[in-house]
Amino acid sequence: ALTHAFSRSGLDVTGLSEARLQQLVDAGLIQVPADLFRLANGNLEPIASLQGWGPKSSEKLATVAKDVASRGVTLSRLIYSLGIRHVGVHTSKLIAGAYGSADAFLADINKASSAQLDDGDA
């Protein structure tokens, strides 16, 4: 799921191979995509200390993550990165077009989450 999220069609975190991502997961540094962006803004020593990494590699990853965070991603890439079953690049573009904005998409996500929680309480 994380490999899908960080792929070129998703959040497009270049230079983060599946093997390197697995190292970060195995080390307990990343569990969800947001963890990468938190790591990039913090202490890079835990990444640099991993086998095959080092200060230069960890700094490069942080730079790429900060670049992705600062430039943002399109709504269709965000939807694709969620890894929803049967939602590929084309379908994510259709969904994004129907919503028109990230705010509208996230508002419906929040409504659906609230409704699901309310149904669970009944």
PDB file of N, CA and C in Angstrom:
ATOM      1  N   ALA A   1       0.822  -1.192   0.000  1.00  0.00           N
ATOM      2  CA  ALA A   1       0.000   0.000   0.000  1.00  0.00           C
ATOM      3  C   ALA A   1       0.872   1.265   0.000  1.00  0.00           C
ATOM      4  N   LEU A   2       1.952   1.258   0.766  1.00  0.00           N
ATOM      5  CA  LEU A   2       2.828   2.430   0.790  1.00  0.00           C
ATOM      6  C   LEU A   2       3.557   2.604  -0.535  1.00  0.00           C
ATOM      7  N   THR A   3       3.967   1.499  -1.144  1.00  0.00           N
ATOM      8  CA  THR A   3       4.639   1.576  -2.439  1.00  0.00           C
ATOM      9  C   THR A   3       3.703   2.217  -3.455  1.00  0.00           C
ATOM     10  N   HIS A   4       2.445   1.841  -3.408  1.00  0.00           N
ATOM     11  CA  HIS A   4       1.428   2.408  -4.293  1.00  0.00           C
ATOM     12  C   HIS A   4       1.275   3.915  -4.017  1.00  0.00           C
ATOM     13  N   ALA A   5       1.206   4.289  -2.760  1.00  0.00           N
ATOM     14  CA  ALA A   5       1.012   5.694  -2.386  1.00  0.00           C
ATOM     15  C   ALA A   5       2.164   6.573  -2.871  1.00  0.00           C
ATOM     16  N   PHE A   6       3.390   6.083  -2.766  1.00  0.00           N
ATOM     17  CA  PHE A   6       4.550   6.884  -3.120  1.00  0.00           C
ATOM     18  C   PHE A   6       4.957   6.747  -4.589  1.00  0.00           C
ATOM     19  N   SER A   7       4.224   5.960  -5.365  1.00  0.00           N
ATOM     20  CA  SER A   7       4.566   5.704  -6.763  1.00  0.00           C
ATOM     21  C   SER A   7       4.483   6.971  -7.614  1.00  0.00           C
ATOM     22  N   ARG A   8       4.969   6.873  -8.833  1.00  0.00           N
ATOM     23  CA  ARG A   8       4.963   8.000  -9.763  1.00  0.00           C
ATOM     24  C   ARG A   8       3.541   8.508 -10.027  1.00  0.00           C
ATOM     25  N   SER A   9       2.574   7.596 -10.095  1.00  0.00           N
ATOM     26  CA  SER A   9       1.184   8.000 -10.344  1.00  0.00           C
ATOM     27  C   SER A   9       0.495   8.519  -9.085  1.00  0.00           C
ATOM     28  N   GLY A  10       1.105   8.251  -7.934  1.00  0.00           N
ATOM     29  CA  GLY A  10       0.543   8.713  -6.664  1.00  0.00           C
ATOM     30  C   GLY A  10       1.208   9.997  -6.203  1.00  0.00           C
ATOM     31  N   LEU A  11       1.859   9.930  -5.055  1.00  0.00           N
ATOM     32  CA  LEU A  11       2.503  11.117  -4.493  1.00  0.00           C
ATOM     33  C   LEU A  11       3.829  11.446  -5.176  1.00  0.00           C
ATOM     34  N   ASP A  12       4.346  10.520  -5.973  1.00  0.00           N
ATOM     35  CA  ASP A  12       5.547  10.723  -6.791  1.00  0.00           C
ATOM     36  C   ASP A  12       6.764  11.113  -5.964  1.00  0.00           C
ATOM     37  N   VAL A  13       7.109  10.264  -5.004  1.00  0.00           N
ATOM     38  CA  VAL A  13       8.314  10.466  -4.196  1.00  0.00           C
ATOM     39  C   VAL A  13       9.446   9.740  -4.916  1.00  0.00           C
ATOM     40  N   THR A  14      10.161  10.473  -5.752  1.00  0.00           N
ATOM     41  CA  THR A  14      11.221   9.872  -6.560  1.00  0.00           C
ATOM     42  C   THR A  14      12.390   9.439  -5.687  1.00  0.00           C
ATOM     43  N   GLY A  15      13.003   8.346  -6.091  1.00  0.00           N
ATOM     44  CA  GLY A  15      14.172   7.848  -5.384  1.00  0.00           C
ATOM     45  C   GLY A  15      13.866   6.945  -4.210  1.00  0.00           C
ATOM     46  N   LEU A  16      12.605   6.726  -3.921  1.00  0.00           N
ATOM     47  CA  LEU A  16      12.239   5.851  -2.811  1.00  0.00           C
ATOM     48  C   LEU A  16      11.803   4.512  -3.399  1.00  0.00           C
ATOM     49  N   SER A  17      12.779   3.607  -3.521  1.00  0.00           N
ATOM     50  CA  SER A  17      12.493   2.296  -4.102  1.00  0.00           C
ATOM     51  C   SER A  17      11.690   1.451  -3.123  1.00  0.00           C
ATOM     52  N   GLU A  18      11.150   0.379  -3.640  1.00  0.00           N
ATOM     53  CA  GLU A  18      10.375  -0.533  -2.793  1.00  0.00           C
ATOM     54  C   GLU A  18      11.264  -1.108  -1.680  1.00  0.00           C
ATOM     55  N   ALA A  19      12.504  -1.427  -2.001  1.00  0.00           N
ATOM     56  CA  ALA A  19      13.424  -1.990  -1.004  1.00  0.00           C
ATOM     57  C   ALA A  19      13.743  -0.969   0.094  1.00  0.00           C
ATOM     58  N   ARG A  20      13.988   0.261  -0.295  1.00  0.00           N
ATOM     59  CA  ARG A  20      14.296   1.304   0.699  1.00  0.00           C
ATOM     60  C   ARG A  20      13.064   1.612   1.550  1.00  0.00           C
ATOM     61  N   LEU A  21      11.908   1.637   0.920  1.00  0.00           N
ATOM     62  CA  LEU A  21      10.679   1.855   1.667  1.00  0.00           C
ATOM     63  C   LEU A  21      10.474   0.736   2.678  1.00  0.00           C
ATOM     64  N   GLN A  22      10.749  -0.500   2.266  1.00  0.00           N
ATOM     65  CA  GLN A  22      10.598  -1.638   3.178  1.00  0.00           C
ATOM     66  C   GLN A  22      11.547  -1.509   4.368  1.00  0.00           C
ATOM     67  N   GLN A  23      12.749  -0.998   4.143  1.00  0.00           N
ATOM     68  CA  GLN A  23      13.685  -0.758   5.248  1.00  0.00           C
ATOM     69  C   GLN A  23      13.080   0.217   6.262  1.00  0.00           C
ATOM     70  N   LEU A  24      12.475   1.279   5.769  1.00  0.00           N
ATOM     71  CA  LEU A  24      11.872   2.281   6.653  1.00  0.00           C
ATOM     72  C   LEU A  24      10.697   1.693   7.430  1.00  0.00           C
ATOM     73  N   VAL A  25       9.925   0.849   6.768  1.00  0.00           N
ATOM     74  CA  VAL A  25       8.791   0.191   7.431  1.00  0.00           C
ATOM     75  C   VAL A  25       9.310  -0.786   8.488  1.00  0.00           C
ATOM     76  N   ASP A  26      10.279  -1.612   8.109  1.00  0.00           N
ATOM     77  CA  ASP A  26      10.839  -2.604   9.038  1.00  0.00           C
ATOM     78  C   ASP A  26      11.464  -1.952  10.268  1.00  0.00           C
ATOM     79  N   ALA A  27      12.019  -0.758  10.082  1.00  0.00           N
ATOM     80  CA  ALA A  27      12.637  -0.031  11.196  1.00  0.00           C
ATOM     81  C   ALA A  27      11.590   0.684  12.052  1.00  0.00           C
ATOM     82  N   GLY A  28      10.330   0.612  11.634  1.00  0.00           N
ATOM     83  CA  GLY A  28       9.259   1.262  12.387  1.00  0.00           C
ATOM     84  C   GLY A  28       9.200   2.769  12.193  1.00  0.00           C
ATOM     85  N   LEU A  29       9.824   3.256  11.137  1.00  0.00           N
ATOM     86  CA  LEU A  29       9.863   4.694  10.895  1.00  0.00           C
ATOM     87  C   LEU A  29       8.658   5.185  10.098  1.00  0.00           C
ATOM     88  N   ILE A  30       8.105   4.301   9.270  1.00  0.00           N
ATOM     89  CA  ILE A  30       6.960   4.675   8.438  1.00  0.00           C
ATOM     90  C   ILE A  30       5.885   3.598   8.532  1.00  0.00           C
ATOM     91  N   GLN A  31       4.669   4.032   8.827  1.00  0.00           N
ATOM     92  CA  GLN A  31       3.514   3.127   8.810  1.00  0.00           C
ATOM     93  C   GLN A  31       2.443   3.631   7.850  1.00  0.00           C
ATOM     94  N   VAL A  32       2.327   4.942   7.750  1.00  0.00           N
ATOM     95  CA  VAL A  32       1.376   5.596   6.844  1.00  0.00           C
ATOM     96  C   VAL A  32       2.141   6.664   6.064  1.00  0.00           C
ATOM     97  N   PRO A  33       1.631   7.076   4.894  1.00  0.00           N
ATOM     98  CA  PRO A  33       2.364   8.058   4.084  1.00  0.00           C
ATOM     99  C   PRO A  33       2.758   9.329   4.838  1.00  0.00           C
ATOM    100  N   ALA A  34       1.923   9.818   5.724  1.00  0.00           N
ATOM    101  CA  ALA A  34       2.233  11.056   6.454  1.00  0.00           C
ATOM    102  C   ALA A  34       3.518  10.931   7.277  1.00  0.00           C
ATOM    103  N   ASP A  35       3.864   9.714   7.678  1.00  0.00           N
ATOM    104  CA  ASP A  35       5.088   9.511   8.464  1.00  0.00           C
ATOM    105  C   ASP A  35       6.331   9.964   7.718  1.00  0.00           C
ATOM    106  N   LEU A  36       6.368   9.773   6.413  1.00  0.00           N
ATOM    107  CA  LEU A  36       7.531  10.194   5.625  1.00  0.00           C
ATOM    108  C   LEU A  36       7.708  11.697   5.704  1.00  0.00           C
ATOM    109  N   PHE A  37       6.614  12.421   5.623  1.00  0.00           N
ATOM    110  CA  PHE A  37       6.694  13.880   5.637  1.00  0.00           C
ATOM    111  C   PHE A  37       7.060  14.400   7.028  1.00  0.00           C
ATOM    112  N   ARG A  38       6.632  13.708   8.062  1.00  0.00           N
ATOM    113  CA  ARG A  38       7.049  14.067   9.427  1.00  0.00           C
ATOM    114  C   ARG A  38       8.538  13.813   9.616  1.00  0.00           C
ATOM    115  N   LEU A  39       9.004  12.672   9.124  1.00  0.00           N
ATOM    116  CA  LEU A  39      10.431  12.346   9.229  1.00  0.00           C
ATOM    117  C   LEU A  39      11.293  13.371   8.507  1.00  0.00           C
ATOM    118  N   ALA A  40      10.834  13.811   7.351  1.00  0.00           N
ATOM    119  CA  ALA A  40      11.608  14.757   6.542  1.00  0.00           C
ATOM    120  C   ALA A  40      11.812  16.083   7.254  1.00  0.00           C
ATOM    121  N   ASN A  41      10.939  16.405   8.179  1.00  0.00           N
ATOM    122  CA  ASN A  41      11.043  17.669   8.909  1.00  0.00           C
ATOM    123  C   ASN A  41      11.633  17.506  10.297  1.00  0.00           C
ATOM    124  N   GLY A  42      12.156  16.334  10.574  1.00  0.00           N
ATOM    125  CA  GLY A  42      12.701  16.078  11.905  1.00  0.00           C
ATOM    126  C   GLY A  42      14.134  15.592  11.846  1.00  0.00           C
ATOM    127  N   ASN A  43      14.497  14.808  12.828  1.00  0.00           N
ATOM    128  CA  ASN A  43      15.827  14.241  12.947  1.00  0.00           C
ATOM    129  C   ASN A  43      15.998  13.119  11.916  1.00  0.00           C
ATOM    130  N   LEU A  44      16.967  13.238  11.032  1.00  0.00           N
ATOM    131  CA  LEU A  44      17.186  12.252   9.985  1.00  0.00           C
ATOM    132  C   LEU A  44      18.119  11.122  10.397  1.00  0.00           C
ATOM    133  N   GLU A  45      18.646  11.189  11.602  1.00  0.00           N
ATOM    134  CA  GLU A  45      19.602  10.179  12.070  1.00  0.00           C
ATOM    135  C   GLU A  45      19.032   8.752  12.024  1.00  0.00           C
ATOM    136  N   PRO A  46      17.772   8.533  12.417  1.00  0.00           N
ATOM    137  CA  PRO A  46      17.248   7.157  12.333  1.00  0.00           C
ATOM    138  C   PRO A  46      17.269   6.599  10.903  1.00  0.00           C
ATOM    139  N   ILE A  47      17.075   7.452   9.919  1.00  0.00           N
ATOM    140  CA  ILE A  47      17.139   7.000   8.527  1.00  0.00           C
ATOM    141  C   ILE A  47      18.595   6.802   8.121  1.00  0.00           C
ATOM    142  N   ALA A  48      19.439   7.766   8.441  1.00  0.00           N
ATOM    143  CA  ALA A  48      20.855   7.714   8.063  1.00  0.00           C
ATOM    144  C   ALA A  48      21.565   6.498   8.647  1.00  0.00           C
ATOM    145  N   SER A  49      21.086   6.014   9.784  1.00  0.00           N
ATOM    146  CA  SER A  49      21.743   4.879  10.440  1.00  0.00           C
ATOM    147  C   SER A  49      21.358   3.529   9.836  1.00  0.00           C
ATOM    148  N   LEU A  50      20.378   3.516   8.959  1.00  0.00           N
ATOM    149  CA  LEU A  50      19.983   2.260   8.327  1.00  0.00           C
ATOM    150  C   LEU A  50      21.033   1.810   7.320  1.00  0.00           C
ATOM    151  N   GLN A  51      21.154   0.493   7.157  1.00  0.00           N
ATOM    152  CA  GLN A  51      22.138  -0.061   6.234  1.00  0.00           C
ATOM    153  C   GLN A  51      21.883   0.443   4.816  1.00  0.00           C
ATOM    154  N   GLY A  52      22.942   0.956   4.191  1.00  0.00           N
ATOM    155  CA  GLY A  52      22.856   1.434   2.820  1.00  0.00           C
ATOM    156  C   GLY A  52      22.370   2.863   2.676  1.00  0.00           C
ATOM    157  N   TRP A  53      22.096   3.524   3.792  1.00  0.00           N
ATOM    158  CA  TRP A  53      21.599   4.890   3.714  1.00  0.00           C
ATOM    159  C   TRP A  53      22.731   5.879   3.944  1.00  0.00           C
ATOM    160  N   GLY A  54      22.817   6.483   5.089  1.00  0.00           N
ATOM    161  CA  GLY A  54      23.830   7.492   5.372  1.00  0.00           C
ATOM    162  C   GLY A  54      23.238   8.882   5.331  1.00  0.00           C
ATOM    163  N   PRO A  55      24.009   9.873   5.763  1.00  0.00           N
ATOM    164  CA  PRO A  55      23.508  11.249   5.831  1.00  0.00           C
ATOM    165  C   PRO A  55      23.077  11.824   4.482  1.00  0.00           C
ATOM    166  N   LYS A  56      23.845  11.536   3.439  1.00  0.00           N
ATOM    167  CA  LYS A  56      23.529  12.099   2.124  1.00  0.00           C
ATOM    168  C   LYS A  56      22.204  11.533   1.585  1.00  0.00           C
ATOM    169  N   SER A  57      22.022  10.236   1.693  1.00  0.00           N
ATOM    170  CA  SER A  57      20.792   9.600   1.207  1.00  0.00           C
ATOM    171  C   SER A  57      19.574  10.046   2.003  1.00  0.00           C
ATOM    172  N   SER A  58      19.728  10.137   3.312  1.00  0.00           N
ATOM    173  CA  SER A  58      18.591  10.545   4.139  1.00  0.00           C
ATOM    174  C   SER A  58      18.226  12.005   3.867  1.00  0.00           C
ATOM    175  N   GLU A  59      19.238  12.838   3.640  1.00  0.00           N
ATOM    176  CA  GLU A  59      18.990  14.244   3.326  1.00  0.00           C
ATOM    177  C   GLU A  59      18.301  14.389   1.964  1.00  0.00           C
ATOM    178  N   LYS A  60      18.717  13.566   1.011  1.00  0.00           N
ATOM    179  CA  LYS A  60      18.101  13.606  -0.315  1.00  0.00           C
ATOM    180  C   LYS A  60      16.627  13.194  -0.232  1.00  0.00           C
ATOM    181  N   LEU A  61      16.333  12.161   0.548  1.00  0.00           N
ATOM    182  CA  LEU A  61      14.942  11.731   0.730  1.00  0.00           C
ATOM    183  C   LEU A  61      14.123  12.842   1.385  1.00  0.00           C
ATOM    184  N   ALA A  62      14.695  13.492   2.385  1.00  0.00           N
ATOM    185  CA  ALA A  62      14.000  14.591   3.058  1.00  0.00           C
ATOM    186  C   ALA A  62      13.726  15.732   2.083  1.00  0.00           C
ATOM    187  N   THR A  63      14.689  16.036   1.224  1.00  0.00           N
ATOM    188  CA  THR A  63      14.517  17.101   0.238  1.00  0.00           C
ATOM    189  C   THR A  63      13.385  16.774  -0.733  1.00  0.00           C
ATOM    190  N   VAL A  64      13.341  15.520  -1.205  1.00  0.00           N
ATOM    191  CA  VAL A  64      12.280  15.102  -2.126  1.00  0.00           C
ATOM    192  C   VAL A  64      10.920  15.172  -1.431  1.00  0.00           C
ATOM    193  N   ALA A  65      10.840  14.685  -0.196  1.00  0.00           N
ATOM    194  CA  ALA A  65       9.574  14.710   0.546  1.00  0.00           C
ATOM    195  C   ALA A  65       9.109  16.142   0.781  1.00  0.00           C
ATOM    196  N   LYS A  66      10.032  17.022   1.138  1.00  0.00           N
ATOM    197  CA  LYS A  66       9.669  18.426   1.348  1.00  0.00           C
ATOM    198  C   LYS A  66       9.207  19.073   0.045  1.00  0.00           C
ATOM    199  N   ASP A  67       9.839  18.684  -1.064  1.00  0.00           N
ATOM    200  CA  ASP A  67       9.442  19.213  -2.364  1.00  0.00           C
ATOM    201  C   ASP A  67       8.024  18.780  -2.713  1.00  0.00           C
ATOM    202  N   VAL A  68       7.708  17.509  -2.490  1.00  0.00           N
ATOM    203  CA  VAL A  68       6.355  17.000  -2.749  1.00  0.00           C
ATOM    204  C   VAL A  68       5.349  17.742  -1.866  1.00  0.00           C
ATOM    205  N   ALA A  69       5.703  17.928  -0.601  1.00  0.00           N
ATOM    206  CA  ALA A  69       4.794  18.613   0.332  1.00  0.00           C
ATOM    207  C   ALA A  69       4.584  20.072  -0.070  1.00  0.00           C
ATOM    208  N   SER A  70       5.636  20.730  -0.533  1.00  0.00           N
ATOM    209  CA  SER A  70       5.503  22.150  -0.858  1.00  0.00           C
ATOM    210  C   SER A  70       4.763  22.383  -2.173  1.00  0.00           C
ATOM    211  N   ARG A  71       4.986  21.515  -3.153  1.00  0.00           N
ATOM    212  CA  ARG A  71       4.299  21.713  -4.441  1.00  0.00           C
ATOM    213  C   ARG A  71       2.906  21.105  -4.436  1.00  0.00           C
ATOM    214  N   GLY A  72       2.665  20.164  -3.509  1.00  0.00           N
ATOM    215  CA  GLY A  72       1.366  19.522  -3.425  1.00  0.00           C
ATOM    216  C   GLY A  72       1.169  18.508  -4.540  1.00  0.00           C
ATOM    217  N   VAL A  73       0.049  17.854  -4.523  1.00  0.00           N
ATOM    218  CA  VAL A  73      -0.306  16.897  -5.566  1.00  0.00           C
ATOM    219  C   VAL A  73      -1.726  17.210  -6.025  1.00  0.00           C
ATOM    220  N   THR A  74      -2.028  16.799  -7.219  1.00  0.00           N
ATOM    221  CA  THR A  74      -3.386  17.010  -7.716  1.00  0.00           C
ATOM    222  C   THR A  74      -4.347  16.106  -6.949  1.00  0.00           C
ATOM    223  N   LEU A  75      -5.614  16.459  -6.981  1.00  0.00           N
ATOM    224  CA  LEU A  75      -6.618  15.650  -6.303  1.00  0.00           C
ATOM    225  C   LEU A  75      -6.648  14.238  -6.877  1.00  0.00           C
ATOM    226  N   SER A  76      -6.498  14.105  -8.180  1.00  0.00           N
ATOM    227  CA  SER A  76      -6.527  12.766  -8.773  1.00  0.00           C
ATOM    228  C   SER A  76      -5.357  11.913  -8.282  1.00  0.00           C
ATOM    229  N   ARG A  77      -4.185  12.507  -8.112  1.00  0.00           N
ATOM    230  CA  ARG A  77      -3.037  11.757  -7.578  1.00  0.00           C
ATOM    231  C   ARG A  77      -3.265  11.372  -6.113  1.00  0.00           C
ATOM    232  N   LEU A  78      -3.861  12.282  -5.364  1.00  0.00           N
ATOM    233  CA  LEU A  78      -4.180  11.969  -3.969  1.00  0.00           C
ATOM    234  C   LEU A  78      -5.140  10.789  -3.901  1.00  0.00           C
ATOM    235  N   ILE A  79      -6.196  10.834  -4.709  1.00  0.00           N
ATOM    236  CA  ILE A  79      -7.173   9.742  -4.720  1.00  0.00           C
ATOM    237  C   ILE A  79      -6.505   8.440  -5.138  1.00  0.00           C
ATOM    238  N   TYR A  80      -5.686   8.486  -6.173  1.00  0.00           N
ATOM    239  CA  TYR A  80      -4.958   7.289  -6.617  1.00  0.00           C
ATOM    240  C   TYR A  80      -4.071   6.741  -5.502  1.00  0.00           C
ATOM    241  N   SER A  81      -3.397   7.646  -4.791  1.00  0.00           N
ATOM    242  CA  SER A  81      -2.450   7.215  -3.749  1.00  0.00           C
ATOM    243  C   SER A  81      -3.128   6.511  -2.580  1.00  0.00           C
ATOM    244  N   LEU A  82      -4.440   6.684  -2.434  1.00  0.00           N
ATOM    245  CA  LEU A  82      -5.166   6.032  -1.345  1.00  0.00           C
ATOM    246  C   LEU A  82      -5.246   4.514  -1.519  1.00  0.00           C
ATOM    247  N   GLY A  83      -5.023   4.046  -2.734  1.00  0.00           N
ATOM    248  CA  GLY A  83      -5.016   2.603  -2.974  1.00  0.00           C
ATOM    249  C   GLY A  83      -6.398   1.973  -2.883  1.00  0.00           C
ATOM    250  N   ILE A  84      -7.405   2.682  -3.320  1.00  0.00           N
ATOM    251  CA  ILE A  84      -8.769   2.161  -3.300  1.00  0.00           C
ATOM    252  C   ILE A  84      -8.895   1.090  -4.381  1.00  0.00           C
ATOM    253  N   ARG A  85      -9.436  -0.045  -4.007  1.00  0.00           N
ATOM    254  CA  ARG A  85      -9.566  -1.167  -4.927  1.00  0.00           C
ATOM    255  C   ARG A  85     -10.342  -0.743  -6.179  1.00  0.00           C
ATOM    256  N   HIS A  86      -9.825  -1.129  -7.333  1.00  0.00           N
ATOM    257  CA  HIS A  86     -10.414  -0.851  -8.643  1.00  0.00           C
ATOM    258  C   HIS A  86     -10.390   0.631  -9.031  1.00  0.00           C
ATOM    259  N   VAL A  87      -9.639   1.452  -8.320  1.00  0.00           N
ATOM    260  CA  VAL A  87      -9.512   2.866  -8.681  1.00  0.00           C
ATOM    261  C   VAL A  87      -8.086   3.107  -9.170  1.00  0.00           C
ATOM    262  N   GLY A  88      -7.947   3.128 -10.477  1.00  0.00           N
ATOM    263  CA  GLY A  88      -6.657   3.384 -11.093  1.00  0.00           C
ATOM    264  C   GLY A  88      -6.511   4.850 -11.453  1.00  0.00           C
ATOM    265  N   VAL A  89      -5.555   5.122 -12.307  1.00  0.00           N
ATOM    266  CA  VAL A  89      -5.268   6.500 -12.706  1.00  0.00           C
ATOM    267  C   VAL A  89      -6.487   7.139 -13.374  1.00  0.00           C
ATOM    268  N   HIS A  90      -7.087   6.437 -14.322  1.00  0.00           N
ATOM    269  CA  HIS A  90      -8.221   6.999 -15.057  1.00  0.00           C
ATOM    270  C   HIS A  90      -9.411   7.269 -14.133  1.00  0.00           C
ATOM    271  N   THR A  91      -9.759   6.300 -13.317  1.00  0.00           N
ATOM    272  CA  THR A  91     -10.906   6.465 -12.419  1.00  0.00           C
ATOM    273  C   THR A  91     -10.646   7.562 -11.397  1.00  0.00           C
ATOM    274  N   SER A  92      -9.422   7.661 -10.927  1.00  0.00           N
ATOM    275  CA  SER A  92      -9.123   8.723  -9.958  1.00  0.00           C
ATOM    276  C   SER A  92      -9.287  10.105 -10.598  1.00  0.00           C
ATOM    277  N   LYS A  93      -8.968  10.218 -11.885  1.00  0.00           N
ATOM    278  CA  LYS A  93      -9.175  11.486 -12.589  1.00  0.00           C
ATOM    279  C   LYS A  93     -10.661  11.793 -12.728  1.00  0.00           C
ATOM    280  N   LEU A  94     -11.468  10.768 -13.001  1.00  0.00           N
ATOM    281  CA  LEU A  94     -12.914  10.964 -13.109  1.00  0.00           C
ATOM    282  C   LEU A  94     -13.511  11.403 -11.769  1.00  0.00           C
ATOM    283  N   ILE A  95     -13.078  10.762 -10.699  1.00  0.00           N
ATOM    284  CA  ILE A  95     -13.575  11.114  -9.360  1.00  0.00           C
ATOM    285  C   ILE A  95     -13.170  12.542  -9.016  1.00  0.00           C
ATOM    286  N   ALA A  96     -11.909  12.872  -9.271  1.00  0.00           N
ATOM    287  CA  ALA A  96     -11.422  14.228  -8.985  1.00  0.00           C
ATOM    288  C   ALA A  96     -12.205  15.265  -9.782  1.00  0.00           C
ATOM    289  N   GLY A  97     -12.500  14.943 -11.041  1.00  0.00           N
ATOM    290  CA  GLY A  97     -13.275  15.862 -11.862  1.00  0.00           C
ATOM    291  C   GLY A  97     -14.682  16.071 -11.329  1.00  0.00           C
ATOM    292  N   ALA A  98     -15.268  15.012 -10.801  1.00  0.00           N
ATOM    293  CA  ALA A  98     -16.622  15.107 -10.247  1.00  0.00           C
ATOM    294  C   ALA A  98     -16.646  15.968  -8.985  1.00  0.00           C
ATOM    295  N   TYR A  99     -15.599  15.890  -8.169  1.00  0.00           N
ATOM    296  CA  TYR A  99     -15.539  16.692  -6.941  1.00  0.00           C
ATOM    297  C   TYR A  99     -15.084  18.118  -7.207  1.00  0.00           C
ATOM    298  N   GLY A 100     -14.153  18.279  -8.112  1.00  0.00           N
ATOM    299  CA  GLY A 100     -13.690  19.613  -8.459  1.00  0.00           C
ATOM    300  C   GLY A 100     -12.637  20.191  -7.538  1.00  0.00           C
ATOM    301  N   SER A 101     -12.676  19.841  -6.268  1.00  0.00           N
ATOM    302  CA  SER A 101     -11.673  20.376  -5.339  1.00  0.00           C
ATOM    303  C   SER A 101     -11.399  19.368  -4.224  1.00  0.00           C
ATOM    304  N   ALA A 102     -10.223  19.515  -3.643  1.00  0.00           N
ATOM    305  CA  ALA A 102      -9.867  18.656  -2.517  1.00  0.00           C
ATOM    306  C   ALA A 102     -10.789  18.911  -1.331  1.00  0.00           C
ATOM    307  N   ASP A 103     -11.193  20.164  -1.146  1.00  0.00           N
ATOM    308  CA  ASP A 103     -12.086  20.492  -0.027  1.00  0.00           C
ATOM    309  C   ASP A 103     -13.406  19.742  -0.139  1.00  0.00           C
ATOM    310  N   ALA A 104     -13.982  19.698  -1.339  1.00  0.00           N
ATOM    311  CA  ALA A 104     -15.258  18.991  -1.546  1.00  0.00           C
ATOM    312  C   ALA A 104     -15.077  17.491  -1.320  1.00  0.00           C
ATOM    313  N   PHE A 105     -13.977  16.934  -1.814  1.00  0.00           N
ATOM    314  CA  PHE A 105     -13.689  15.509  -1.634  1.00  0.00           C
ATOM    315  C   PHE A 105     -13.539  15.177  -0.155  1.00  0.00           C
ATOM    316  N   LEU A 106     -12.728  15.968   0.550  1.00  0.00           N
ATOM    317  CA  LEU A 106     -12.488  15.708   1.972  1.00  0.00           C
ATOM    318  C   LEU A 106     -13.742  15.925   2.817  1.00  0.00           C
ATOM    319  N   ALA A 107     -14.586  16.862   2.411  1.00  0.00           N
ATOM    320  CA  ALA A 107     -15.845  17.081   3.133  1.00  0.00           C
ATOM    321  C   ALA A 107     -16.717  15.833   3.049  1.00  0.00           C
ATOM    322  N   ASP A 108     -16.785  15.216   1.865  1.00  0.00           N
ATOM    323  CA  ASP A 108     -17.572  13.992   1.728  1.00  0.00           C
ATOM    324  C   ASP A 108     -16.942  12.826   2.483  1.00  0.00           C
ATOM    325  N   ILE A 109     -15.630  12.767   2.516  1.00  0.00           N
ATOM    326  CA  ILE A 109     -14.944  11.729   3.294  1.00  0.00           C
ATOM    327  C   ILE A 109     -15.315  11.885   4.774  1.00  0.00           C
ATOM    328  N   ASN A 110     -15.280  13.119   5.266  1.00  0.00           N
ATOM    329  CA  ASN A 110     -15.638  13.373   6.663  1.00  0.00           C
ATOM    330  C   ASN A 110     -17.089  13.018   6.943  1.00  0.00           C
ATOM    331  N   LYS A 111     -17.984  13.352   6.027  1.00  0.00           N
ATOM    332  CA  LYS A 111     -19.403  13.004   6.194  1.00  0.00           C
ATOM    333  C   LYS A 111     -19.580  11.495   6.256  1.00  0.00           C
ATOM    334  N   ALA A 112     -18.917  10.794   5.337  1.00  0.00           N
ATOM    335  CA  ALA A 112     -19.031   9.334   5.303  1.00  0.00           C
ATOM    336  C   ALA A 112     -18.462   8.714   6.577  1.00  0.00           C
ATOM    337  N   SER A 113     -17.352   9.244   7.064  1.00  0.00           N
ATOM    338  CA  SER A 113     -16.757   8.737   8.295  1.00  0.00           C
ATOM    339  C   SER A 113     -17.675   8.966   9.483  1.00  0.00           C
ATOM    340  N   SER A 114     -18.264  10.151   9.555  1.00  0.00           N
ATOM    341  CA  SER A 114     -19.195  10.471  10.643  1.00  0.00           C
ATOM    342  C   SER A 114     -20.420   9.568  10.592  1.00  0.00           C
ATOM    343  N   ALA A 115     -20.959   9.356   9.386  1.00  0.00           N
ATOM    344  CA  ALA A 115     -22.132   8.497   9.225  1.00  0.00           C
ATOM    345  C   ALA A 115     -21.811   7.066   9.628  1.00  0.00           C
ATOM    346  N   GLN A 116     -20.624   6.606   9.290  1.00  0.00           N
ATOM    347  CA  GLN A 116     -20.221   5.248   9.641  1.00  0.00           C
ATOM    348  C   GLN A 116     -20.070   5.126  11.164  1.00  0.00           C
ATOM    349  N   LEU A 117     -19.508   6.133  11.793  1.00  0.00           N
ATOM    350  CA  LEU A 117     -19.381   6.123  13.246  1.00  0.00           C
ATOM    351  C   LEU A 117     -20.754   6.155  13.913  1.00  0.00           C
ATOM    352  N   ASP A 118     -21.659   6.978  13.372  1.00  0.00           N
ATOM    353  CA  ASP A 118     -23.018   7.053  13.914  1.00  0.00           C
ATOM    354  C   ASP A 118     -23.738   5.719  13.786  1.00  0.00           C
ATOM    355  N   ASP A 119     -23.556   5.041  12.644  1.00  0.00           N
ATOM    356  CA  ASP A 119     -24.183   3.727  12.440  1.00  0.00           C
ATOM    357  C   ASP A 119     -23.615   2.705  13.416  1.00  0.00           C
ATOM    358  N   GLY A 120     -22.351   2.847  13.761  1.00  0.00           N
ATOM    359  CA  GLY A 120     -21.731   1.927  14.708  1.00  0.00           C
ATOM    360  C   GLY A 120     -22.231   2.114  16.121  1.00  0.00           C
ATOM    361  N   ASP A 121     -22.687   3.318  16.445  1.00  0.00           N
ATOM    362  CA  ASP A 121     -23.192   3.588  17.779  1.00  0.00           C
ATOM    363  C   ASP A 121     -24.614   3.096  17.988  1.00  0.00           C
ATOM    364  N   ALA A 122     -25.358   2.884  16.897  1.00  0.00           N
ATOM    365  CA  ALA A 122     -26.766   2.509  16.992  1.00  0.00           C
ATOM    366  C   ALA A 122     -26.965   1.088  17.451  1.00  0.00           C
TER     367      ALA A 122
END
